[in-house]
C-alpha atoms as a PDB file:
ATOM      1  CA  MET A   1     -10.418 -95.594  61.526  1.00  0.00           C
ATOM      2  CA  GLY A   2     -13.455 -93.269  61.614  1.00  0.00           C
ATOM      3  CA  ARG A   3     -11.559 -90.792  63.817  1.00  0.00           C
ATOM      4  CA  ILE A   4      -8.592 -90.822  61.438  1.00  0.00           C
ATOM      5  CA  ALA A   5     -10.863 -90.148  58.450  1.00  0.00           C
ATOM      6  CA  ALA A   6     -12.568 -87.303  60.314  1.00  0.00           C
ATOM      7  CA  SER A   7      -9.184 -85.825  61.257  1.00  0.00           C
ATOM      8  CA  ILE A   8      -8.069 -85.959  57.630  1.00  0.00           C
ATOM      9  CA  LYS A   9     -11.300 -84.283  56.549  1.00  0.00           C
ATOM     10  CA  VAL A  10     -10.929 -81.471  59.091  1.00  0.00           C
ATOM     11  CA  ALA A  11      -7.252 -80.986  58.238  1.00  0.00           C
ATOM     12  CA  GLY A  12      -8.114 -80.763  54.569  1.00  0.00           C
ATOM     13  CA  MET A  13     -10.769 -78.162  55.244  1.00  0.00           C
ATOM     14  CA  ILE A  14      -8.399 -76.066  57.361  1.00  0.00           C
ATOM     15  CA  GLY A  15      -5.813 -76.261  54.599  1.00  0.00           C
ATOM     16  CA  CYS A  16      -8.297 -75.020  52.047  1.00  0.00           C
ATOM     17  CA  LEU A  17      -9.280 -72.093  54.259  1.00  0.00           C
ATOM     18  CA  ILE A  18      -5.645 -71.114  54.787  1.00  0.00           C
ATOM     19  CA  ALA A  19      -5.019 -71.335  51.035  1.00  0.00           C
ATOM     20  CA  ALA A  20      -7.931 -68.957  50.523  1.00  0.00           C
ATOM     21  CA  GLY A  21      -6.241 -66.384  52.693  1.00  0.00           C
ATOM     22  CA  VAL A  22      -8.057 -67.101  55.956  1.00  0.00           C
ATOM     23  CA  ARG A  23      -5.803 -67.691  58.937  1.00  0.00           C
ATOM     24  CA  ALA A  24      -6.771 -70.661  61.133  1.00  0.00           C
ATOM     25  CA  GLN A  25      -5.450 -71.679  64.539  1.00  0.00           C
ATOM     26  CA  SER A  26      -4.608 -75.252  65.470  1.00  0.00           C
ATOM     27  CA  ALA A  27      -6.940 -77.357  67.595  1.00  0.00           C
ATOM     28  CA  ASP A  28      -6.322 -77.658  71.321  1.00  0.00           C
ATOM     29  CA  PRO A  29      -3.937 -80.573  72.032  1.00  0.00           C
ATOM     30  CA  LEU A  30      -6.294 -81.763  74.781  1.00  0.00           C
ATOM     31  CA  PHE A  31      -8.447 -83.224  72.034  1.00  0.00           C
ATOM     32  CA  SER A  32      -5.752 -84.166  69.547  1.00  0.00           C
ATOM     33  CA  ASN A  33      -5.547 -87.717  70.839  1.00  0.00           C
ATOM     34  CA  GLY A  34      -9.146 -88.385  69.784  1.00  0.00           C
ATOM     35  CA  LEU A  35     -10.251 -89.368  73.323  1.00  0.00           C
ATOM     36  CA  GLU A  36     -12.736 -86.463  73.494  1.00  0.00           C
ATOM     37  CA  PRO A  37     -15.552 -85.853  70.976  1.00  0.00           C
ATOM     38  CA  GLY A  38     -14.960 -82.082  71.086  1.00  0.00           C
ATOM     39  CA  LEU A  39     -17.351 -79.637  69.447  1.00  0.00           C
ATOM     40  CA  ILE A  40     -20.969 -80.762  69.079  1.00  0.00           C
ATOM     41  CA  ALA A  41     -22.835 -77.491  68.370  1.00  0.00           C
ATOM     42  CA  PHE A  42     -22.269 -73.970  67.081  1.00  0.00           C
ATOM     43  CA  GLY A  43     -25.241 -71.617  67.032  1.00  0.00           C
ATOM     44  CA  PRO A  44     -27.594 -69.878  66.523  1.00  0.00           C
ATOM     45  CA  SER A  45     -27.440 -70.605  62.809  1.00  0.00           C
ATOM     46  CA  LEU A  46     -27.801 -66.892  61.977  1.00  0.00           C
ATOM     47  CA  SER A  47     -26.627 -64.042  64.213  1.00  0.00           C
ATOM     48  CA  GLU A  48     -26.472 -60.257  63.965  1.00  0.00           C
ATOM     49  CA  VAL A  49     -23.556 -57.970  64.824  1.00  0.00           C
ATOM     50  CA  PRO A  50     -23.994 -54.192  64.521  1.00  0.00           C
ATOM     51  CA  ALA A  51     -21.740 -52.189  62.240  1.00  0.00           C
ATOM     52  CA  GLY A  52     -18.818 -50.703  64.139  1.00  0.00           C
ATOM     53  CA  ALA A  53     -18.739 -53.425  66.789  1.00  0.00           C
ATOM     54  CA  PHE A  54     -15.467 -54.029  68.609  1.00  0.00           C
ATOM     55  CA  ASP A  55     -14.765 -57.237  70.494  1.00  0.00           C
ATOM     56  CA  GLN A  56     -18.411 -57.918  71.331  1.00  0.00           C
ATOM     57  CA  PRO A  57     -20.769 -60.919  71.075  1.00  0.00           C
ATOM     58  CA  SER A  58     -23.587 -61.042  68.547  1.00  0.00           C
ATOM     59  CA  SER A  59     -27.004 -59.625  69.420  1.00  0.00           C
ATOM     60  CA  GLY A  60     -29.764 -61.606  71.102  1.00  0.00           C
ATOM     61  CA  THR A  61     -28.589 -65.129  71.902  1.00  0.00           C
ATOM     62  CA  PRO A  62     -24.841 -64.822  71.254  1.00  0.00           C
ATOM     63  CA  LEU A  63     -23.211 -67.153  68.749  1.00  0.00           C
ATOM     64  CA  HIS A  64     -21.465 -69.743  70.920  1.00  0.00           C
ATOM     65  CA  VAL A  65     -19.581 -73.012  70.756  1.00  0.00           C
ATOM     66  CA  THR A  66     -20.807 -76.062  72.688  1.00  0.00           C
ATOM     67  CA  LEU A  67     -18.639 -79.013  73.716  1.00  0.00           C
ATOM     68  CA  ALA A  68     -19.903 -82.554  74.204  1.00  0.00           C
ATOM     69  CA  GLU A  69     -18.884 -82.510  77.875  1.00  0.00           C
ATOM     70  CA  PRO A  70     -17.409 -80.061  80.407  1.00  0.00           C
ATOM     71  CA  ALA A  71     -13.877 -78.992  79.584  1.00  0.00           C
ATOM     72  CA  PRO A  72     -11.404 -80.504  82.082  1.00  0.00           C
ATOM     73  CA  ALA A  73      -9.149 -77.459  81.530  1.00  0.00           C
ATOM     74  CA  PRO A  74      -9.456 -74.117  79.695  1.00  0.00           C
ATOM     75  CA  THR A  75      -9.978 -75.245  76.113  1.00  0.00           C
ATOM     76  CA  TRP A  76      -9.229 -73.277  72.973  1.00  0.00           C
ATOM     77  CA  VAL A  77     -11.701 -73.552  70.060  1.00  0.00           C
ATOM     78  CA  PRO A  78     -10.529 -71.982  66.777  1.00  0.00           C
ATOM     79  CA  VAL A  79     -13.248 -69.927  65.067  1.00  0.00           C
ATOM     80  CA  ILE A  80     -12.708 -68.735  61.485  1.00  0.00           C
ATOM     81  CA  SER A  81     -14.452 -66.009  59.493  1.00  0.00           C
ATOM     82  CA  THR A  82     -14.616 -66.627  55.741  1.00  0.00           C
ATOM     83  CA  ASN A  83     -14.711 -62.860  55.165  1.00  0.00           C
ATOM     84  CA  PRO A  84     -12.641 -61.119  57.850  1.00  0.00           C
ATOM     85  CA  SER A  85     -12.878 -57.798  55.994  1.00  0.00           C
ATOM     86  CA  ILE A  86     -16.557 -57.764  57.015  1.00  0.00           C
ATOM     87  CA  VAL A  87     -16.638 -59.844  60.219  1.00  0.00           C
ATOM     88  CA  THR A  88     -13.506 -60.482  62.293  1.00  0.00           C
ATOM     89  CA  VAL A  89     -13.451 -63.116  65.043  1.00  0.00           C
ATOM     90  CA  SER A  90     -11.797 -61.571  68.104  1.00  0.00           C
ATOM     91  CA  GLY A  91      -8.628 -63.464  68.918  1.00  0.00           C
ATOM     92  CA  GLY A  92      -9.292 -66.038  66.196  1.00  0.00           C
ATOM     93  CA  GLY A  93     -11.371 -68.209  68.515  1.00  0.00           C
ATOM     94  CA  VAL A  94     -12.737 -68.636  72.014  1.00  0.00           C
ATOM     95  CA  ILE A  95     -11.718 -70.317  75.274  1.00  0.00           C
ATOM     96  CA  VAL A  96     -14.215 -72.591  77.012  1.00  0.00           C
ATOM     97  CA  PRO A  97     -13.469 -72.298  80.764  1.00  0.00           C
ATOM     98  CA  ALA A  98     -12.666 -75.390  82.810  1.00  0.00           C
ATOM     99  CA  GLY A  99     -15.877 -77.101  83.899  1.00  0.00           C
ATOM    100  CA  ALA A 100     -17.977 -75.309  81.253  1.00  0.00           C
ATOM    101  CA  THR A 101     -19.400 -76.642  78.006  1.00  0.00           C
ATOM    102  CA  SER A 102     -19.899 -73.408  76.066  1.00  0.00           C
ATOM    103  CA  ALA A 103     -18.491 -69.953  75.404  1.00  0.00           C
ATOM    104  CA  ALA A 104     -19.654 -66.996  73.304  1.00  0.00           C
ATOM    105  CA  VAL A 105     -17.660 -65.795  70.319  1.00  0.00           C
ATOM    106  CA  LYS A 106     -16.806 -62.093  70.044  1.00  0.00           C
ATOM    107  CA  PHE A 107     -16.587 -60.087  66.837  1.00  0.00           C
ATOM    108  CA  SER A 108     -15.387 -56.804  65.392  1.00  0.00           C
ATOM    109  CA  THR A 109     -16.955 -55.170  62.310  1.00  0.00           C
ATOM    110  CA  PRO A 110     -16.244 -52.036  60.236  1.00  0.00           C
ATOM    111  CA  PHE A 111     -18.389 -48.924  60.563  1.00  0.00           C
ATOM    112  CA  GLY A 112     -21.158 -48.475  58.026  1.00  0.00           C
ATOM    113  CA  GLY A 113     -22.124 -50.681  55.143  1.00  0.00           C
ATOM    114  CA  THR A 114     -24.058 -53.908  55.061  1.00  0.00           C
ATOM    115  CA  SER A 115     -23.296 -57.464  54.135  1.00  0.00           C
ATOM    116  CA  SER A 116     -24.888 -60.689  53.165  1.00  0.00           C
ATOM    117  CA  PRO A 117     -24.300 -63.341  55.836  1.00  0.00           C
ATOM    118  CA  VAL A 118     -20.671 -64.339  56.399  1.00  0.00           C
ATOM    119  CA  THR A 119     -19.995 -68.004  57.158  1.00  0.00           C
ATOM    120  CA  ILE A 120     -18.167 -68.634  60.428  1.00  0.00           C
ATOM    121  CA  TRP A 121     -16.504 -72.006  61.153  1.00  0.00           C
ATOM    122  CA  ALA A 122     -15.763 -73.476  64.582  1.00  0.00           C
ATOM    123  CA  ILE A 123     -13.284 -76.349  64.598  1.00  0.00           C
ATOM    124  CA  LEU A 124     -12.529 -78.813  67.366  1.00  0.00           C
ATOM    125  CA  GLY A 125     -12.808 -82.497  66.480  1.00  0.00           C
ATOM    126  CA  ASN A 126     -15.777 -81.517  64.304  1.00  0.00           C
ATOM    127  CA  THR A 127     -16.167 -78.538  61.980  1.00  0.00           C
ATOM    128  CA  ILE A 128     -19.495 -76.733  62.323  1.00  0.00           C
ATOM    129  CA  GLY A 129     -20.617 -73.600  60.485  1.00  0.00           C
ATOM    130  CA  ALA A 130     -22.955 -70.723  61.299  1.00  0.00           C
ATOM    131  CA  ALA A 131     -23.627 -67.325  59.715  1.00  0.00           C
ATOM    132  CA  VAL A 132     -23.215 -63.747  60.916  1.00  0.00           C
ATOM    133  CA  TYR A 133     -24.377 -60.582  59.212  1.00  0.00           C
ATOM    134  CA  VAL A 134     -23.537 -56.943  59.882  1.00  0.00           C
ATOM    135  CA  SER A 135     -26.617 -54.830  60.559  1.00  0.00           C
ATOM    136  CA  TYR A 136     -27.030 -51.187  59.673  1.00  0.00           C
ATOM    137  CA  ALA A 137     -26.518 -48.997  62.712  1.00  0.00           C
ATOM    138  CA  SER A 138     -28.583 -45.811  62.853  1.00  0.00           C
ATOM    139  CA  SER A 139     -25.423 -43.817  62.107  1.00  0.00           C
ATOM    140  CA  SER A 140     -25.151 -45.684  58.785  1.00  0.00           C
ATOM    141  CA  CYS A 141     -28.561 -44.442  57.628  1.00  0.00           C
ATOM    142  CA  ILE A 142     -28.402 -41.604  55.110  1.00  0.00           C
ATOM    143  CA  PRO A 143     -31.205 -39.117  55.900  1.00  0.00           C
ATOM    144  CA  GLY A 144     -32.836 -37.612  52.849  1.00  0.00           C
ATOM    145  CA  LEU A 145     -31.914 -40.506  50.546  1.00  0.00           C
ATOM    146  CA  GLY A 146     -34.322 -40.595  47.608  1.00  0.00           C
ATOM    147  CA  SER A 147     -36.867 -43.161  46.473  1.00  0.00           C
ATOM    148  CA  ASP A 148     -38.427 -44.457  43.269  1.00  0.00           C
ATOM    149  CA  MET A 149     -41.489 -42.425  44.319  1.00  0.00           C
ATOM    150  CA  SER A 150     -41.012 -38.744  43.477  1.00  0.00           C
ATOM    151  CA  GLY A 151     -40.796 -36.447  46.488  1.00  0.00           C
ATOM    152  CA  TYR A 152     -40.139 -39.146  49.112  1.00  0.00           C
ATOM    153  CA  THR A 153     -36.944 -39.246  51.159  1.00  0.00           C
ATOM    154  CA  ARG A 154     -35.577 -41.469  53.903  1.00  0.00           C
ATOM    155  CA  GLN A 155     -35.973 -40.808  57.630  1.00  0.00           C
ATOM    156  CA  CYS A 156     -33.449 -42.421  59.941  1.00  0.00           C
ATOM    157  CA  THR A 157     -35.120 -42.055  63.325  1.00  0.00           C
ATOM    158  CA  GLY A 158     -38.668 -42.221  64.578  1.00  0.00           C
ATOM    159  CA  TYR A 159     -41.196 -44.149  66.613  1.00  0.00           C
ATOM    160  CA  ALA A 160     -41.988 -47.846  66.238  1.00  0.00           C
ATOM    161  CA  SER A 161     -43.518 -50.539  68.429  1.00  0.00           C
ATOM    162  CA  ASN A 162     -43.673 -54.322  68.478  1.00  0.00           C
ATOM    163  CA  TYR A 163     -45.296 -56.984  70.704  1.00  0.00           C
ATOM    164  CA  GLN A 164     -43.290 -55.738  73.679  1.00  0.00           C
ATOM    165  CA  GLY A 165     -44.312 -52.104  73.282  1.00  0.00           C
ATOM    166  CA  ASP A 166     -41.987 -49.337  72.157  1.00  0.00           C
ATOM    167  CA  ALA A 167     -39.228 -50.635  69.884  1.00  0.00           C
ATOM    168  CA  THR A 168     -35.820 -49.111  69.264  1.00  0.00           C
ATOM    169  CA  TRP A 169     -35.603 -47.653  65.766  1.00  0.00           C
ATOM    170  CA  ASP A 170     -32.125 -48.546  64.531  1.00  0.00           C
ATOM    171  CA  ASN A 171     -33.125 -49.259  60.923  1.00  0.00           C
ATOM    172  CA  THR A 172     -32.887 -53.054  61.262  1.00  0.00           C
ATOM    173  CA  TYR A 173     -35.594 -55.671  60.942  1.00  0.00           C
ATOM    174  CA  ALA A 174     -34.014 -57.683  63.763  1.00  0.00           C
ATOM    175  CA  THR A 175     -34.500 -54.868  66.277  1.00  0.00           C
ATOM    176  CA  LEU A 176     -37.958 -53.909  65.011  1.00  0.00           C
ATOM    177  CA  PHE A 177     -39.194 -57.478  65.599  1.00  0.00           C
ATOM    178  CA  ASN A 178     -36.762 -58.416  68.370  1.00  0.00           C
ATOM    179  CA  GLY A 179     -35.097 -61.215  66.410  1.00  0.00           C
ATOM    180  CA  VAL A 180     -33.483 -62.090  63.095  1.00  0.00           C
ATOM    181  CA  TRP A 181     -35.666 -63.255  60.213  1.00  0.00           C
ATOM    182  CA  PRO A 182     -38.542 -64.062  60.572  1.00  0.00           C
ATOM    183  CA  GLY A 183     -38.491 -62.212  63.913  1.00  0.00           C
ATOM    184  CA  ASN A 184     -39.304 -63.202  67.474  1.00  0.00           C
ATOM    185  CA  VAL A 185     -41.976 -65.922  67.633  1.00  0.00           C
ATOM    186  CA  GLN A 186     -43.848 -63.807  70.185  1.00  0.00           C
ATOM    187  CA  GLN A 187     -44.505 -61.216  67.473  1.00  0.00           C
ATOM    188  CA  VAL A 188     -46.779 -63.668  65.633  1.00  0.00           C
ATOM    189  CA  GLY A 189     -50.429 -62.730  66.143  1.00  0.00           C
ATOM    190  CA  HIS A 190     -49.521 -59.314  67.514  1.00  0.00           C
ATOM    191  CA  SER A 191     -49.499 -55.851  66.026  1.00  0.00           C
ATOM    192  CA  PHE A 192     -46.738 -53.357  65.346  1.00  0.00           C
ATOM    193  CA  ARG A 193     -46.584 -49.685  64.444  1.00  0.00           C
ATOM    194  CA  VAL A 194     -44.206 -47.507  62.457  1.00  0.00           C
ATOM    195  CA  LYS A 195     -44.582 -43.717  62.516  1.00  0.00           C
ATOM    196  CA  VAL A 196     -43.415 -42.062  59.316  1.00  0.00           C
ATOM    197  CA  ASN A 197     -43.378 -38.477  58.140  1.00  0.00           C
ATOM    198  CA  ALA A 198     -45.893 -37.604  55.441  1.00  0.00           C
ATOM    199  CA  THR A 199     -43.441 -37.702  52.537  1.00  0.00           C
ATOM    200  CA  GLN A 200     -40.700 -39.865  54.032  1.00  0.00           C
ATOM    201  CA  TYR A 201     -40.134 -43.589  54.429  1.00  0.00           C
ATOM    202  CA  GLY A 202     -38.550 -45.863  57.006  1.00  0.00           C
ATOM    203  CA  SER A 203     -36.318 -48.730  55.863  1.00  0.00           C
ATOM    204  CA  PHE A 204     -35.318 -51.684  58.009  1.00  0.00           C
ATOM    205  CA  LEU A 205     -32.429 -53.880  56.895  1.00  0.00           C
ATOM    206  CA  LEU A 206     -33.607 -57.479  56.584  1.00  0.00           C
ATOM    207  CA  THR A 207     -31.235 -60.438  56.280  1.00  0.00           C
ATOM    208  CA  THR A 208     -32.844 -63.805  55.659  1.00  0.00           C
ATOM    209  CA  GLY A 209     -31.369 -66.961  57.168  1.00  0.00           C
ATOM    210  CA  ALA A 210     -31.155 -70.558  56.041  1.00  0.00           C
ATOM    211  CA  THR A 211     -34.557 -71.532  57.488  1.00  0.00           C
ATOM    212  CA  ALA A 212     -37.313 -71.434  54.853  1.00  0.00           C
ATOM    213  CA  THR A 213     -40.298 -69.639  56.327  1.00  0.00           C
ATOM    214  CA  GLY A 214     -42.736 -66.804  55.693  1.00  0.00           C
ATOM    215  CA  ILE A 215     -44.633 -63.918  57.286  1.00  0.00           C
ATOM    216  CA  HIS A 216     -47.775 -61.940  56.505  1.00  0.00           C
ATOM    217  CA  ILE A 217     -48.093 -58.230  57.326  1.00  0.00           C
ATOM    218  CA  TYR A 218     -51.378 -56.382  56.756  1.00  0.00           C
ATOM    219  CA  PRO A 219     -53.188 -53.270  58.038  1.00  0.00           C
ATOM    220  CA  ASN A 220     -54.501 -53.033  61.596  1.00  0.00           C
ATOM    221  CA  ASN A 221     -56.535 -49.835  61.655  1.00  0.00           C
ATOM    222  CA  SER A 222     -57.344 -50.192  65.344  1.00  0.00           C
ATOM    223  CA  ILE A 223     -53.824 -48.959  66.124  1.00  0.00           C
ATOM    224  CA  GLY A 224     -52.912 -46.865  63.100  1.00  0.00           C
ATOM    225  CA  ALA A 225     -53.499 -45.803  59.512  1.00  0.00           C
ATOM    226  CA  THR A 226     -53.087 -48.026  56.475  1.00  0.00           C
ATOM    227  CA  GLY A 227     -49.566 -47.636  55.202  1.00  0.00           C
ATOM    228  CA  MET A 228     -47.604 -48.765  52.184  1.00  0.00           C
ATOM    229  CA  ALA A 229     -44.931 -51.444  52.590  1.00  0.00           C
ATOM    230  CA  SER A 230     -42.373 -52.872  50.186  1.00  0.00           C
ATOM    231  CA  ILE A 231     -39.355 -55.141  49.912  1.00  0.00           C
ATOM    232  CA  SER A 232     -36.290 -53.974  47.983  1.00  0.00           C
ATOM    233  CA  THR A 233     -33.018 -55.776  47.363  1.00  0.00           C
ATOM    234  CA  GLU A 234     -29.651 -54.800  48.807  1.00  0.00           C
ATOM    235  CA  ALA A 235     -28.553 -53.782  45.308  1.00  0.00           C
ATOM    236  CA  GLN A 236     -31.616 -51.556  44.830  1.00  0.00           C
ATOM    237  CA  GLY A 237     -31.123 -49.977  48.227  1.00  0.00           C
ATOM    238  CA  PRO A 238     -33.673 -48.693  50.734  1.00  0.00           C
ATOM    239  CA  GLY A 239     -36.895 -46.854  49.881  1.00  0.00           C
ATOM    240  CA  ILE A 240     -37.759 -48.679  46.655  1.00  0.00           C
ATOM    241  CA  PHE A 241     -41.513 -49.281  46.410  1.00  0.00           C
ATOM    242  CA  PRO A 242     -43.238 -49.813  43.013  1.00  0.00           C
ATOM    243  CA  THR A 243     -40.084 -51.071  41.302  1.00  0.00           C
ATOM    244  CA  GLY A 244     -38.935 -53.235  44.220  1.00  0.00           C
ATOM    245  CA  VAL A 245     -39.464 -56.951  44.822  1.00  0.00           C
ATOM    246  CA  CYS A 246     -43.061 -56.248  45.889  1.00  0.00           C
ATOM    247  CA  PHE A 247     -45.139 -53.458  47.388  1.00  0.00           C
ATOM    248  CA  GLY A 248     -48.598 -52.965  48.829  1.00  0.00           C
ATOM    249  CA  SER A 249     -50.563 -52.599  52.050  1.00  0.00           C
ATOM    250  CA  ASP A 250     -50.980 -56.349  52.477  1.00  0.00           C
ATOM    251  CA  LEU A 251     -47.845 -58.416  51.868  1.00  0.00           C
ATOM    252  CA  THR A 252     -46.961 -62.090  52.145  1.00  0.00           C
ATOM    253  CA  ILE A 253     -43.195 -62.627  52.322  1.00  0.00           C
ATOM    254  CA  SER A 254     -41.436 -65.983  52.108  1.00  0.00           C
ATOM    255  CA  THR A 255     -38.026 -67.587  51.655  1.00  0.00           C
ATOM    256  CA  LYS A 256     -39.474 -70.977  50.700  1.00  0.00           C
ATOM    257  CA  ALA A 257     -38.322 -72.419  47.378  1.00  0.00           C
ATOM    258  CA  VAL A 258     -41.935 -72.991  46.329  1.00  0.00           C
ATOM    259  CA  THR A 259     -44.335 -70.383  47.649  1.00  0.00           C
ATOM    260  CA  GLN A 260     -47.461 -68.423  46.803  1.00  0.00           C
ATOM    261  CA  ALA A 261     -46.149 -65.359  48.601  1.00  0.00           C
ATOM    262  CA  GLN A 262     -46.132 -62.035  46.801  1.00  0.00           C
ATOM    263  CA  CYS A 263     -42.593 -61.351  47.976  1.00  0.00           C
ATOM    264  CA  LYS A 264     -40.302 -64.242  47.057  1.00  0.00           C
ATOM    265  CA  LEU A 265     -36.980 -63.820  48.839  1.00  0.00           C
ATOM    266  CA  ALA A 266     -33.792 -65.847  48.597  1.00  0.00           C
ATOM    267  CA  PRO A 267     -32.364 -67.449  51.748  1.00  0.00           C
ATOM    268  CA  ASN A 268     -29.187 -65.983  53.247  1.00  0.00           C
ATOM    269  CA  SER A 269     -29.672 -62.694  51.422  1.00  0.00           C
ATOM    270  CA  THR A 270     -30.088 -59.035  52.334  1.00  0.00           C
ATOM    271  CA  TYR A 271     -33.148 -56.876  51.656  1.00  0.00           C
ATOM    272  CA  TYR A 272     -34.943 -53.808  53.013  1.00  0.00           C
ATOM    273  CA  LEU A 273     -38.447 -53.754  54.490  1.00  0.00           C
ATOM    274  CA  ASN A 274     -39.788 -50.259  53.738  1.00  0.00           C
ATOM    275  CA  PHE A 275     -42.775 -48.335  55.152  1.00  0.00           C
ATOM    276  CA  SER A 276     -44.438 -45.113  54.002  1.00  0.00           C
ATOM    277  CA  MET A 277     -47.807 -43.361  53.813  1.00  0.00           C
ATOM    278  CA  ALA A 278     -47.809 -43.370  50.014  1.00  0.00           C
ATOM    279  CA  SER A 279     -50.959 -44.086  48.024  1.00  0.00           C
ATOM    280  CA  SER A 280     -51.210 -47.340  46.073  1.00  0.00           C
ATOM    281  CA  PHE A 281     -51.518 -45.532  42.746  1.00  0.00           C
ATOM    282  CA  ALA A 282     -49.121 -43.381  40.740  1.00  0.00           C
ATOM    283  CA  PRO A 283     -47.913 -40.737  41.287  1.00  0.00           C
ATOM    284  CA  TYR A 284     -48.160 -42.132  44.857  1.00  0.00           C
ATOM    285  CA  PRO A 285     -49.275 -39.035  46.788  1.00  0.00           C
ATOM    286  CA  THR A 286     -49.168 -39.240  50.567  1.00  0.00           C
ATOM    287  CA  THR A 287     -52.348 -40.264  52.364  1.00  0.00           C
ATOM    288  CA  CYS A 288     -51.128 -38.650  55.589  1.00  0.00           C
ATOM    289  CA  GLY A 289     -53.022 -35.444  56.376  1.00  0.00           C
ATOM    290  CA  ALA A 290     -50.559 -34.299  59.031  1.00  0.00           C
ATOM    291  CA  SER A 291     -46.805 -33.841  59.246  1.00  0.00           C
ATOM    292  CA  SER A 292     -46.501 -37.508  60.285  1.00  0.00           C
ATOM    293  CA  CYS A 293     -48.779 -40.521  60.720  1.00  0.00           C
ATOM    294  CA  ILE A 294     -48.628 -43.839  62.581  1.00  0.00           C
ATOM    295  CA  THR A 295     -49.074 -46.868  60.336  1.00  0.00           C
ATOM    296  CA  GLY A 296     -50.704 -49.850  62.048  1.00  0.00           C
ATOM    297  CA  TRP A 297     -49.951 -53.448  61.104  1.00  0.00           C
ATOM    298  CA  ALA A 298     -50.709 -57.033  62.063  1.00  0.00           C
ATOM    299  CA  PHE A 299     -48.002 -59.707  61.896  1.00  0.00           C
ATOM    300  CA  ASP A 300     -48.670 -63.412  61.242  1.00  0.00           C
ATOM    301  CA  GLN A 301     -46.923 -66.475  59.904  1.00  0.00           C
ATOM    302  CA  PHE A 302     -47.330 -67.428  56.244  1.00  0.00           C
ATOM    303  CA  GLY A 303     -47.005 -71.099  55.400  1.00  0.00           C
ATOM    304  CA  ASN A 304     -47.914 -71.363  51.709  1.00  0.00           C
END
């Protein structure tokens, strides 16, 4: 009786998705008799795919389906994007090879633009959701874009480092800290650097996930100068400092519902983490005495 109820629930959900304009594929008949438990996991819960991707897995640990037991034959798992105009699931699903328990999902995304996380559903016996967001590729960055601080413009390339050493500057938080929000756990307790031109800023697209957590970034003058950081919303755009969500040289940032953090962010939302050498006081003149300066930072967890 429980299996029948679950089947009805899944069928109803698929019907709703189809009615909303999302095309679903039917479950593999191998599991239609209810003798196999089917899908038991679908993760990570939040994954990143770069803009302009074509038929490729998500970054880092790829989003993948996991079956309860090895597939006795190649097994089709339907995977559905709730917003295929932003994130398209290649082939509408994935095949788990015979003898395997998991397979990575591949995606295609449009060039340019950003998105809040798109929910992705995997369906086989059970229906399990995860989220994928499209990250800004460096080619999507608009050099010279203005700011709410007079005279400052955006730079799209430069030098940065994280706990591993030199970091690729592709204008995303996930690459800067080697992991989606809040970043790779190995970054905690370590320093990072961002080199910015005297009157320019660097912006790193930040997409929060469902996990409520927080970080603390503050100056580390043993590796660089004190810089100015800020958080701006997706609607505000990159490079917003005094009129953004928060700004300063010492920031606590959290997605917890109740928090003492200066920067209170919503889960599953898109923001920018911005860096510059601007002064803390209007009219925000640069504190960099050269053409460019390296800002030095420490990175810790924030639990309050």
